[in-house]
């Protein structure tokens, strides 16, 4: 099961997910600078200066079978962020989609819906997952609304779950989509991507 997650490219009309590579460094630095995302206190986005170390960290976790990281490109081929399969449980066929961030100019577009549609299809239809999780800070209302729009269900809140970089305690909202729910969620996501904007 160590090789359960293998690097792959996932493509849709609004986004392309590429296996993360050191060659993406400049584009990821520029994307993180679009909106100074690292200044958001309730989430963790690498600074442009820290991007090389973050790429190295994610690729090291990939080698250990703990993560499958992607670089996110928009429809025009511009690098706009990162996302991953993480908290991998190959035995129980569960993954979390997380450590996701997008440049400010790519937010509130079809890009996130497309990325999640691609990742969920890969998880359920290729990896035969029984469930896919999403986790975010309880107070990250923008992220929580986006997760709920996907059709994920709130499993609960892990109170005082993690310590933040500023010494604050994070309450983590845990959501999931199960394999049995995937056909309905897939139809919903396809409708969202096809409806006029």
N, C-alpha and C. Protein backbone atom coordinates (compact mmCIF):
# COMPACT_ATOMS: atom_id res chain seq x y z
N UNK A 1 0.81 -1.21 0.00
CA UNK A 1 0.00 0.00 0.00
C UNK A 1 0.85 1.27 0.00
N UNK A 2 2.17 1.12 0.14
CA UNK A 2 3.04 2.30 0.21
C UNK A 2 2.95 3.13 -1.07
N UNK A 3 2.71 2.46 -2.21
CA UNK A 3 2.63 3.17 -3.48
C UNK A 3 1.19 3.41 -3.93
N UNK A 4 0.28 3.41 -2.97
CA UNK A 4 -1.13 3.60 -3.30
C UNK A 4 -1.35 4.93 -4.02
N UNK A 5 -0.70 5.98 -3.54
CA UNK A 5 -0.80 7.29 -4.19
C UNK A 5 0.41 7.49 -5.09
N UNK A 6 0.17 7.62 -6.38
CA UNK A 6 1.27 7.88 -7.30
C UNK A 6 1.03 9.21 -8.01
N UNK A 7 2.10 9.96 -8.25
CA UNK A 7 1.93 11.26 -8.91
C UNK A 7 1.22 11.12 -10.25
N UNK A 8 0.30 12.03 -10.50
CA UNK A 8 -0.49 12.01 -11.73
C UNK A 8 -0.93 13.42 -12.04
N UNK A 9 -1.26 13.68 -13.29
CA UNK A 9 -1.80 14.97 -13.72
C UNK A 9 -3.31 14.82 -13.87
N UNK A 10 -4.05 15.77 -13.33
CA UNK A 10 -5.51 15.79 -13.43
C UNK A 10 -5.92 17.06 -14.16
N UNK A 11 -6.77 16.94 -15.17
CA UNK A 11 -7.09 18.08 -16.04
C UNK A 11 -8.59 18.28 -16.15
N UNK A 12 -9.02 19.53 -16.06
CA UNK A 12 -10.41 19.91 -16.28
C UNK A 12 -10.47 21.18 -17.09
N UNK A 13 -11.68 21.66 -17.35
CA UNK A 13 -11.85 22.86 -18.18
C UNK A 13 -11.31 24.12 -17.50
N UNK A 14 -11.35 24.16 -16.17
CA UNK A 14 -10.99 25.38 -15.44
C UNK A 14 -9.68 25.29 -14.68
N UNK A 15 -9.07 24.11 -14.62
CA UNK A 15 -7.84 23.94 -13.84
C UNK A 15 -7.11 22.68 -14.27
N UNK A 16 -5.82 22.69 -13.98
CA UNK A 16 -5.00 21.50 -14.18
C UNK A 16 -4.17 21.31 -12.92
N UNK A 17 -4.11 20.07 -12.43
CA UNK A 17 -3.32 19.74 -11.25
C UNK A 17 -2.11 18.93 -11.71
N UNK A 18 -0.93 19.47 -11.43
CA UNK A 18 0.32 18.84 -11.83
C UNK A 18 1.02 18.28 -10.61
N UNK A 19 1.74 17.17 -10.74
CA UNK A 19 2.56 16.72 -9.61
C UNK A 19 3.53 17.85 -9.22
N UNK A 20 3.54 18.18 -7.94
CA UNK A 20 4.41 19.25 -7.45
C UNK A 20 5.86 18.96 -7.81
N UNK A 21 6.58 19.99 -8.25
CA UNK A 21 7.99 19.84 -8.64
C UNK A 21 8.76 21.10 -8.27
N UNK A 22 10.05 20.98 -7.97
CA UNK A 22 10.86 22.16 -7.66
C UNK A 22 10.82 23.22 -8.77
N UNK A 23 10.60 22.80 -10.01
CA UNK A 23 10.54 23.74 -11.13
C UNK A 23 9.37 24.72 -11.02
N UNK A 24 8.41 24.44 -10.14
CA UNK A 24 7.24 25.31 -9.97
C UNK A 24 7.50 26.45 -8.99
N UNK A 25 8.70 26.53 -8.44
CA UNK A 25 9.01 27.48 -7.37
C UNK A 25 8.65 28.91 -7.71
N UNK A 26 9.11 29.43 -8.84
CA UNK A 26 8.87 30.84 -9.16
C UNK A 26 7.38 31.14 -9.30
N UNK A 27 6.65 30.26 -9.97
CA UNK A 27 5.21 30.46 -10.12
C UNK A 27 4.47 30.41 -8.80
N UNK A 28 4.89 29.51 -7.90
CA UNK A 28 4.24 29.41 -6.59
C UNK A 28 4.57 30.63 -5.73
N UNK A 29 5.79 31.13 -5.82
CA UNK A 29 6.14 32.36 -5.09
C UNK A 29 5.25 33.52 -5.54
N UNK A 30 5.10 33.64 -6.84
CA UNK A 30 4.26 34.72 -7.38
C UNK A 30 2.81 34.56 -6.95
N UNK A 31 2.31 33.33 -6.98
CA UNK A 31 0.92 33.07 -6.58
C UNK A 31 0.69 33.42 -5.11
N UNK A 32 1.62 33.04 -4.24
CA UNK A 32 1.47 33.34 -2.81
C UNK A 32 1.51 34.84 -2.56
N UNK A 33 2.27 35.56 -3.38
CA UNK A 33 2.34 37.01 -3.23
C UNK A 33 1.09 37.72 -3.69
N UNK A 34 0.25 37.05 -4.47
CA UNK A 34 -1.00 37.62 -4.96
C UNK A 34 -2.04 37.57 -3.84
N UNK A 35 -2.06 38.63 -3.04
CA UNK A 35 -2.98 38.71 -1.91
C UNK A 35 -2.29 38.56 -0.57
N UNK A 36 -0.96 38.42 -0.56
CA UNK A 36 -0.20 38.26 0.70
C UNK A 36 -0.87 37.24 1.61
N UNK A 37 -1.11 36.05 1.06
CA UNK A 37 -1.92 35.04 1.73
C UNK A 37 -1.33 34.56 3.05
N UNK A 38 -0.02 34.62 3.20
CA UNK A 38 0.62 34.15 4.43
C UNK A 38 0.24 35.01 5.64
N UNK A 39 -0.36 36.17 5.41
CA UNK A 39 -0.75 37.05 6.52
C UNK A 39 -2.08 36.66 7.16
N UNK A 40 -2.81 35.72 6.54
CA UNK A 40 -4.08 35.27 7.12
C UNK A 40 -3.78 34.47 8.38
N UNK A 41 -4.29 34.89 9.50
CA UNK A 41 -3.92 34.27 10.78
C UNK A 41 -4.51 32.87 10.96
N UNK A 42 -5.63 32.55 10.31
CA UNK A 42 -6.36 31.31 10.57
C UNK A 42 -6.00 30.19 9.59
N UNK A 43 -5.02 30.41 8.74
CA UNK A 43 -4.60 29.37 7.82
C UNK A 43 -3.09 29.43 7.67
N UNK A 44 -2.52 28.47 6.98
CA UNK A 44 -1.06 28.40 6.84
C UNK A 44 -0.69 28.36 5.37
N UNK A 45 -0.23 29.49 4.86
CA UNK A 45 0.23 29.60 3.48
C UNK A 45 1.70 30.02 3.53
N UNK A 46 2.57 29.34 2.80
CA UNK A 46 3.98 29.70 2.87
C UNK A 46 4.24 31.10 2.30
N UNK A 47 5.22 31.77 2.86
CA UNK A 47 5.67 33.04 2.31
C UNK A 47 6.43 32.77 1.01
N UNK A 48 6.57 33.78 0.16
CA UNK A 48 7.39 33.56 -1.03
C UNK A 48 8.81 33.10 -0.67
N UNK A 49 9.36 33.64 0.41
CA UNK A 49 10.71 33.26 0.83
C UNK A 49 10.76 31.82 1.37
N UNK A 50 9.66 31.36 1.91
CA UNK A 50 9.62 30.02 2.48
C UNK A 50 9.10 28.96 1.53
N UNK A 51 8.84 29.34 0.27
CA UNK A 51 8.21 28.42 -0.67
C UNK A 51 9.11 27.23 -1.01
N UNK A 52 10.41 27.46 -1.19
CA UNK A 52 11.31 26.35 -1.53
C UNK A 52 11.29 25.29 -0.43
N UNK A 53 11.30 25.74 0.82
CA UNK A 53 11.26 24.80 1.95
C UNK A 53 9.93 24.05 1.99
N UNK A 54 8.83 24.74 1.63
CA UNK A 54 7.52 24.09 1.63
C UNK A 54 7.44 23.03 0.53
N UNK A 55 7.97 23.34 -0.64
CA UNK A 55 8.00 22.35 -1.72
C UNK A 55 8.80 21.13 -1.27
N UNK A 56 9.95 21.37 -0.67
CA UNK A 56 10.80 20.28 -0.19
C UNK A 56 10.07 19.45 0.87
N UNK A 57 9.36 20.11 1.79
CA UNK A 57 8.63 19.40 2.85
C UNK A 57 7.55 18.49 2.24
N UNK A 58 6.79 19.04 1.30
CA UNK A 58 5.71 18.26 0.71
C UNK A 58 6.26 17.08 -0.10
N UNK A 59 7.34 17.30 -0.81
CA UNK A 59 7.92 16.20 -1.59
C UNK A 59 8.53 15.13 -0.69
N UNK A 60 9.06 15.53 0.45
CA UNK A 60 9.58 14.55 1.42
C UNK A 60 8.43 13.69 1.96
N UNK A 61 7.30 14.32 2.28
CA UNK A 61 6.13 13.57 2.75
C UNK A 61 5.59 12.65 1.66
N UNK A 62 5.69 13.09 0.41
CA UNK A 62 5.28 12.23 -0.70
C UNK A 62 6.15 10.98 -0.76
N UNK A 63 7.46 11.14 -0.60
CA UNK A 63 8.37 9.99 -0.60
C UNK A 63 8.04 9.00 0.51
N UNK A 64 7.52 9.51 1.63
CA UNK A 64 7.16 8.67 2.77
C UNK A 64 5.75 8.09 2.64
N UNK A 65 5.05 8.39 1.55
CA UNK A 65 3.70 7.87 1.33
C UNK A 65 2.65 8.56 2.17
N UNK A 66 2.95 9.75 2.69
CA UNK A 66 2.02 10.45 3.58
C UNK A 66 1.26 11.57 2.88
N UNK A 67 1.64 11.90 1.64
CA UNK A 67 1.04 13.04 0.96
C UNK A 67 1.22 12.86 -0.54
N UNK A 68 0.27 13.39 -1.31
CA UNK A 68 0.41 13.50 -2.75
C UNK A 68 0.14 14.95 -3.11
N UNK A 69 1.22 15.77 -3.28
CA UNK A 69 1.04 17.20 -3.51
C UNK A 69 0.91 17.56 -4.99
N UNK A 70 0.11 18.61 -5.23
CA UNK A 70 -0.11 19.10 -6.58
C UNK A 70 0.16 20.60 -6.65
N UNK A 71 0.62 21.04 -7.81
CA UNK A 71 0.64 22.45 -8.18
C UNK A 71 -0.62 22.70 -8.99
N UNK A 72 -1.31 23.81 -8.69
CA UNK A 72 -2.56 24.14 -9.37
C UNK A 72 -2.30 25.20 -10.44
N UNK A 73 -2.74 24.92 -11.66
CA UNK A 73 -2.71 25.89 -12.75
C UNK A 73 -4.13 26.27 -13.13
N UNK A 74 -4.33 27.53 -13.53
CA UNK A 74 -5.64 27.94 -14.03
C UNK A 74 -5.77 27.52 -15.49
N UNK A 75 -6.89 27.85 -16.12
CA UNK A 75 -7.16 27.41 -17.49
C UNK A 75 -6.14 27.96 -18.48
N UNK A 76 -5.52 29.09 -18.14
CA UNK A 76 -4.52 29.68 -19.01
C UNK A 76 -3.11 29.16 -18.78
N UNK A 77 -2.93 28.23 -17.85
CA UNK A 77 -1.62 27.65 -17.58
C UNK A 77 -0.80 28.42 -16.55
N UNK A 78 -1.42 29.40 -15.88
CA UNK A 78 -0.71 30.16 -14.85
C UNK A 78 -0.78 29.42 -13.53
N UNK A 79 0.35 29.29 -12.85
CA UNK A 79 0.38 28.65 -11.53
C UNK A 79 -0.33 29.56 -10.53
N UNK A 80 -1.33 29.00 -9.82
CA UNK A 80 -2.14 29.81 -8.90
C UNK A 80 -2.22 29.23 -7.49
N UNK A 81 -1.55 28.10 -7.21
CA UNK A 81 -1.62 27.57 -5.85
C UNK A 81 -1.18 26.14 -5.73
N UNK A 82 -1.54 25.57 -4.58
CA UNK A 82 -1.17 24.19 -4.24
C UNK A 82 -2.37 23.49 -3.60
N UNK A 83 -2.39 22.17 -3.70
CA UNK A 83 -3.35 21.35 -2.98
C UNK A 83 -2.73 19.97 -2.79
N UNK A 84 -3.29 19.16 -1.90
CA UNK A 84 -2.73 17.83 -1.65
C UNK A 84 -3.79 16.82 -1.26
N UNK A 85 -3.44 15.55 -1.46
CA UNK A 85 -4.03 14.46 -0.71
C UNK A 85 -3.10 14.29 0.49
N UNK A 86 -3.64 14.29 1.70
CA UNK A 86 -2.82 14.18 2.90
C UNK A 86 -3.53 13.33 3.94
N UNK A 87 -2.89 13.17 5.11
CA UNK A 87 -3.44 12.28 6.15
C UNK A 87 -3.91 10.97 5.52
N UNK A 88 -3.01 10.38 4.77
CA UNK A 88 -3.30 9.19 3.97
C UNK A 88 -3.46 7.97 4.87
N UNK A 89 -4.56 7.26 4.70
CA UNK A 89 -4.81 6.01 5.40
C UNK A 89 -5.13 4.97 4.32
N UNK A 90 -4.08 4.39 3.74
CA UNK A 90 -4.25 3.45 2.63
C UNK A 90 -5.00 2.19 3.06
N UNK A 91 -4.77 1.75 4.30
CA UNK A 91 -5.43 0.53 4.78
C UNK A 91 -6.94 0.70 4.78
N UNK A 92 -7.40 1.85 5.24
CA UNK A 92 -8.84 2.12 5.31
C UNK A 92 -9.34 2.95 4.14
N UNK A 93 -8.47 3.17 3.16
CA UNK A 93 -8.84 3.88 1.93
C UNK A 93 -9.50 5.23 2.21
N UNK A 94 -8.78 6.04 2.99
CA UNK A 94 -9.25 7.39 3.31
C UNK A 94 -8.13 8.38 3.04
N UNK A 95 -8.47 9.54 2.54
CA UNK A 95 -7.53 10.64 2.38
C UNK A 95 -8.23 11.93 2.78
N UNK A 96 -7.41 12.93 3.08
CA UNK A 96 -7.92 14.28 3.27
C UNK A 96 -7.45 15.12 2.10
N UNK A 97 -8.32 15.97 1.57
CA UNK A 97 -7.91 16.99 0.62
C UNK A 97 -7.65 18.23 1.44
N UNK A 98 -6.40 18.69 1.43
CA UNK A 98 -6.07 19.83 2.28
C UNK A 98 -4.76 20.48 1.89
N UNK A 99 -4.27 21.33 2.80
CA UNK A 99 -3.10 22.17 2.55
C UNK A 99 -3.26 22.88 1.21
N UNK A 100 -4.48 23.38 0.99
CA UNK A 100 -4.85 24.03 -0.26
C UNK A 100 -4.82 25.54 -0.09
N UNK A 101 -4.26 26.21 -1.06
CA UNK A 101 -4.35 27.67 -1.11
C UNK A 101 -4.29 28.11 -2.57
N UNK A 102 -4.95 29.23 -2.84
CA UNK A 102 -4.99 29.80 -4.19
C UNK A 102 -4.67 31.28 -4.13
N UNK A 103 -4.01 31.79 -5.17
CA UNK A 103 -3.79 33.22 -5.32
C UNK A 103 -5.12 33.95 -5.20
N UNK A 104 -5.10 35.15 -4.64
CA UNK A 104 -6.34 35.92 -4.45
C UNK A 104 -7.10 36.10 -5.76
N UNK A 105 -6.38 36.30 -6.87
CA UNK A 105 -7.04 36.52 -8.16
C UNK A 105 -7.73 35.27 -8.69
N UNK A 106 -7.42 34.09 -8.15
CA UNK A 106 -8.04 32.84 -8.60
C UNK A 106 -9.20 32.42 -7.70
N UNK A 107 -9.39 33.11 -6.58
CA UNK A 107 -10.45 32.77 -5.64
C UNK A 107 -11.80 33.27 -6.18
N UNK A 108 -12.86 32.65 -5.68
CA UNK A 108 -14.22 32.99 -6.08
C UNK A 108 -14.44 32.82 -7.59
N UNK A 109 -13.83 31.77 -8.10
CA UNK A 109 -14.00 31.42 -9.51
C UNK A 109 -14.35 29.93 -9.57
N UNK A 110 -14.44 29.40 -10.78
CA UNK A 110 -14.75 27.97 -10.94
C UNK A 110 -13.55 27.09 -10.60
N UNK A 111 -12.39 27.69 -10.37
CA UNK A 111 -11.16 26.93 -10.18
C UNK A 111 -11.25 25.96 -9.00
N UNK A 112 -11.67 26.42 -7.84
CA UNK A 112 -11.73 25.53 -6.67
C UNK A 112 -12.70 24.38 -6.89
N UNK A 113 -13.87 24.67 -7.45
CA UNK A 113 -14.84 23.61 -7.72
C UNK A 113 -14.24 22.58 -8.68
N UNK A 114 -13.54 23.06 -9.72
CA UNK A 114 -12.91 22.15 -10.67
C UNK A 114 -11.85 21.29 -10.00
N UNK A 115 -11.00 21.92 -9.17
CA UNK A 115 -9.95 21.16 -8.48
C UNK A 115 -10.55 20.08 -7.59
N UNK A 116 -11.57 20.43 -6.83
CA UNK A 116 -12.18 19.44 -5.94
C UNK A 116 -12.87 18.35 -6.75
N UNK A 117 -13.49 18.69 -7.88
CA UNK A 117 -14.13 17.67 -8.74
C UNK A 117 -13.07 16.68 -9.25
N UNK A 118 -11.92 17.20 -9.66
CA UNK A 118 -10.85 16.33 -10.15
C UNK A 118 -10.29 15.44 -9.04
N UNK A 119 -10.04 16.03 -7.87
CA UNK A 119 -9.47 15.27 -6.76
C UNK A 119 -10.45 14.22 -6.24
N UNK A 120 -11.71 14.59 -6.11
CA UNK A 120 -12.71 13.64 -5.61
C UNK A 120 -12.91 12.49 -6.59
N UNK A 121 -12.95 12.79 -7.89
CA UNK A 121 -13.09 11.72 -8.87
C UNK A 121 -11.90 10.76 -8.80
N UNK A 122 -10.70 11.31 -8.65
CA UNK A 122 -9.52 10.45 -8.54
C UNK A 122 -9.59 9.59 -7.28
N UNK A 123 -10.01 10.22 -6.18
CA UNK A 123 -10.08 9.49 -4.91
C UNK A 123 -11.10 8.36 -4.96
N UNK A 124 -12.29 8.64 -5.46
CA UNK A 124 -13.35 7.63 -5.43
C UNK A 124 -13.30 6.66 -6.62
N UNK A 125 -12.93 7.15 -7.80
CA UNK A 125 -13.02 6.33 -9.00
C UNK A 125 -11.71 5.62 -9.35
N UNK A 126 -10.57 6.15 -8.92
CA UNK A 126 -9.29 5.52 -9.20
C UNK A 126 -8.72 4.83 -7.96
N UNK A 127 -8.76 5.53 -6.82
CA UNK A 127 -8.19 4.97 -5.59
C UNK A 127 -9.18 4.15 -4.79
N UNK A 128 -10.45 4.16 -5.18
CA UNK A 128 -11.52 3.43 -4.48
C UNK A 128 -11.60 3.80 -3.00
N UNK A 129 -11.49 5.10 -2.72
CA UNK A 129 -11.62 5.56 -1.33
C UNK A 129 -13.03 5.30 -0.81
N UNK A 130 -13.13 5.07 0.50
CA UNK A 130 -14.44 4.94 1.12
C UNK A 130 -14.91 6.28 1.68
N UNK A 131 -13.96 7.21 1.91
CA UNK A 131 -14.32 8.54 2.38
C UNK A 131 -13.17 9.50 2.10
N UNK A 132 -13.54 10.76 1.88
CA UNK A 132 -12.57 11.84 1.69
C UNK A 132 -12.91 12.93 2.69
N UNK A 133 -11.90 13.38 3.44
CA UNK A 133 -12.09 14.39 4.47
C UNK A 133 -11.63 15.76 4.00
N UNK A 134 -12.18 16.77 4.64
CA UNK A 134 -11.74 18.16 4.51
C UNK A 134 -11.67 18.72 5.93
N UNK A 135 -10.62 19.46 6.23
CA UNK A 135 -10.49 20.07 7.56
C UNK A 135 -10.12 21.53 7.41
N UNK A 136 -10.66 22.36 8.26
CA UNK A 136 -10.32 23.78 8.24
C UNK A 136 -10.55 24.38 9.62
N UNK A 137 -10.00 25.54 9.83
CA UNK A 137 -10.20 26.26 11.09
C UNK A 137 -11.69 26.57 11.24
N UNK A 138 -12.21 26.38 12.42
CA UNK A 138 -13.63 26.66 12.67
C UNK A 138 -14.00 28.07 12.26
N UNK A 139 -13.08 29.03 12.41
CA UNK A 139 -13.37 30.43 12.11
C UNK A 139 -13.06 30.83 10.66
N UNK A 140 -12.58 29.89 9.86
CA UNK A 140 -12.32 30.18 8.44
C UNK A 140 -13.63 29.99 7.68
N UNK A 141 -14.50 30.98 7.79
CA UNK A 141 -15.85 30.85 7.23
C UNK A 141 -15.83 30.74 5.70
N UNK A 142 -14.90 31.40 5.04
CA UNK A 142 -14.81 31.30 3.58
C UNK A 142 -14.52 29.86 3.16
N UNK A 143 -13.57 29.22 3.84
CA UNK A 143 -13.24 27.83 3.53
C UNK A 143 -14.40 26.90 3.88
N UNK A 144 -15.03 27.13 5.01
CA UNK A 144 -16.15 26.26 5.41
C UNK A 144 -17.30 26.35 4.42
N UNK A 145 -17.61 27.56 3.95
CA UNK A 145 -18.68 27.70 2.95
C UNK A 145 -18.31 26.97 1.66
N UNK A 146 -17.05 27.07 1.25
CA UNK A 146 -16.61 26.40 0.03
C UNK A 146 -16.72 24.89 0.17
N UNK A 147 -16.34 24.35 1.32
CA UNK A 147 -16.43 22.90 1.56
C UNK A 147 -17.89 22.46 1.56
N UNK A 148 -18.75 23.23 2.19
CA UNK A 148 -20.17 22.89 2.25
C UNK A 148 -20.82 22.96 0.86
N UNK A 149 -20.37 23.93 0.01
CA UNK A 149 -20.91 24.02 -1.35
C UNK A 149 -20.57 22.79 -2.18
N UNK A 150 -19.49 22.10 -1.81
CA UNK A 150 -19.13 20.86 -2.52
C UNK A 150 -20.13 19.75 -2.24
N UNK A 151 -20.81 19.82 -1.11
CA UNK A 151 -21.71 18.75 -0.70
C UNK A 151 -21.17 17.92 0.45
N UNK A 152 -20.05 18.35 1.05
CA UNK A 152 -19.49 17.63 2.20
C UNK A 152 -20.35 17.87 3.43
N UNK A 153 -20.36 16.87 4.31
CA UNK A 153 -21.13 16.94 5.55
C UNK A 153 -20.20 17.22 6.72
N UNK A 154 -20.65 18.05 7.65
CA UNK A 154 -19.87 18.33 8.85
C UNK A 154 -19.90 17.11 9.76
N UNK A 155 -18.73 16.54 10.04
CA UNK A 155 -18.62 15.41 10.98
C UNK A 155 -18.56 15.91 12.41
N UNK A 156 -17.95 17.08 12.61
CA UNK A 156 -17.85 17.62 13.96
C UNK A 156 -16.72 18.62 14.07
N UNK A 157 -16.55 19.15 15.27
CA UNK A 157 -15.50 20.13 15.57
C UNK A 157 -14.54 19.50 16.57
N UNK A 158 -13.26 19.47 16.22
CA UNK A 158 -12.23 19.03 17.15
C UNK A 158 -11.77 20.27 17.91
N UNK A 159 -12.20 20.40 19.15
CA UNK A 159 -11.94 21.61 19.93
C UNK A 159 -10.51 21.60 20.47
N UNK A 160 -9.88 22.79 20.44
CA UNK A 160 -8.49 22.95 20.88
C UNK A 160 -7.62 21.86 20.25
N UNK A 161 -7.77 21.70 18.95
CA UNK A 161 -7.15 20.60 18.21
C UNK A 161 -5.67 20.82 17.93
N UNK A 162 -5.31 22.05 17.58
CA UNK A 162 -3.92 22.34 17.23
C UNK A 162 -3.53 23.72 17.73
N UNK A 163 -2.22 23.89 17.92
CA UNK A 163 -1.73 25.20 18.30
C UNK A 163 -1.30 25.96 17.06
N UNK A 164 -1.77 27.20 16.95
CA UNK A 164 -1.43 28.02 15.80
C UNK A 164 -0.07 28.69 15.98
N UNK A 165 0.43 29.28 14.89
CA UNK A 165 1.77 29.90 14.95
C UNK A 165 1.85 31.07 15.92
N UNK A 166 0.73 31.71 16.21
CA UNK A 166 0.73 32.86 17.13
C UNK A 166 0.33 32.44 18.54
N UNK A 167 0.34 31.14 18.81
CA UNK A 167 -0.03 30.65 20.13
C UNK A 167 -1.51 30.45 20.34
N UNK A 168 -2.33 30.73 19.32
CA UNK A 168 -3.76 30.53 19.44
C UNK A 168 -4.08 29.04 19.29
N UNK A 169 -5.20 28.62 19.83
CA UNK A 169 -5.66 27.25 19.67
C UNK A 169 -6.66 27.18 18.54
N UNK A 170 -6.47 26.18 17.69
CA UNK A 170 -7.35 25.99 16.54
C UNK A 170 -8.41 24.96 16.86
N UNK A 171 -9.67 25.34 16.69
CA UNK A 171 -10.77 24.38 16.64
C UNK A 171 -10.89 23.97 15.18
N UNK A 172 -10.82 22.67 14.90
CA UNK A 172 -10.82 22.18 13.53
C UNK A 172 -12.19 21.63 13.16
N UNK A 173 -12.78 22.20 12.11
CA UNK A 173 -14.04 21.69 11.56
C UNK A 173 -13.71 20.56 10.60
N UNK A 174 -14.26 19.38 10.84
CA UNK A 174 -13.99 18.19 10.02
C UNK A 174 -15.22 17.86 9.19
N UNK A 175 -15.03 17.77 7.89
CA UNK A 175 -16.10 17.43 6.95
C UNK A 175 -15.70 16.17 6.20
N UNK A 176 -16.67 15.50 5.60
CA UNK A 176 -16.33 14.36 4.73
C UNK A 176 -17.40 14.14 3.68
N UNK A 177 -16.98 13.42 2.64
CA UNK A 177 -17.86 12.88 1.61
C UNK A 177 -17.56 11.39 1.56
N UNK A 178 -18.58 10.55 1.59
CA UNK A 178 -18.38 9.11 1.54
C UNK A 178 -18.59 8.59 0.12
N UNK A 179 -18.10 7.38 -0.12
CA UNK A 179 -18.23 6.77 -1.44
C UNK A 179 -19.69 6.68 -1.87
N UNK A 180 -20.58 6.37 -0.93
CA UNK A 180 -22.00 6.29 -1.26
C UNK A 180 -22.61 7.62 -1.66
N UNK A 181 -22.04 8.71 -1.16
CA UNK A 181 -22.52 10.05 -1.49
C UNK A 181 -21.94 10.59 -2.79
N UNK A 182 -20.83 9.99 -3.25
CA UNK A 182 -20.10 10.53 -4.38
C UNK A 182 -20.95 10.70 -5.65
N UNK A 183 -21.79 9.75 -6.07
CA UNK A 183 -22.55 9.99 -7.31
C UNK A 183 -23.41 11.25 -7.26
N UNK A 184 -24.04 11.52 -6.12
CA UNK A 184 -24.86 12.73 -5.99
C UNK A 184 -23.98 13.97 -5.96
N UNK A 185 -22.88 13.91 -5.21
CA UNK A 185 -21.96 15.04 -5.15
C UNK A 185 -21.37 15.32 -6.52
N UNK A 186 -21.00 14.27 -7.26
CA UNK A 186 -20.45 14.43 -8.61
C UNK A 186 -21.44 15.14 -9.53
N UNK A 187 -22.70 14.74 -9.48
CA UNK A 187 -23.73 15.40 -10.29
C UNK A 187 -23.86 16.86 -9.91
N UNK A 188 -23.83 17.14 -8.61
CA UNK A 188 -23.92 18.52 -8.11
C UNK A 188 -22.74 19.36 -8.58
N UNK A 189 -21.52 18.82 -8.51
CA UNK A 189 -20.34 19.56 -8.93
C UNK A 189 -20.34 19.80 -10.44
N UNK A 190 -20.76 18.80 -11.20
CA UNK A 190 -20.85 18.97 -12.65
C UNK A 190 -21.85 20.07 -13.00
N UNK A 191 -22.98 20.11 -12.29
CA UNK A 191 -23.97 21.16 -12.51
C UNK A 191 -23.38 22.52 -12.18
N UNK A 192 -22.66 22.62 -11.06
CA UNK A 192 -22.04 23.90 -10.70
C UNK A 192 -21.05 24.36 -11.75
N UNK A 193 -20.29 23.43 -12.32
CA UNK A 193 -19.28 23.80 -13.31
C UNK A 193 -19.89 24.16 -14.65
N UNK A 194 -21.08 23.63 -14.97
CA UNK A 194 -21.70 23.86 -16.27
C UNK A 194 -22.65 25.04 -16.27
N UNK A 195 -23.12 25.47 -15.10
CA UNK A 195 -24.10 26.55 -15.09
C UNK A 195 -23.45 27.87 -15.49
N UNK A 196 -24.22 28.76 -16.12
CA UNK A 196 -23.65 30.06 -16.51
C UNK A 196 -23.17 30.84 -15.29
N UNK A 197 -22.09 31.57 -15.45
CA UNK A 197 -21.53 32.38 -14.35
C UNK A 197 -21.73 33.83 -14.63
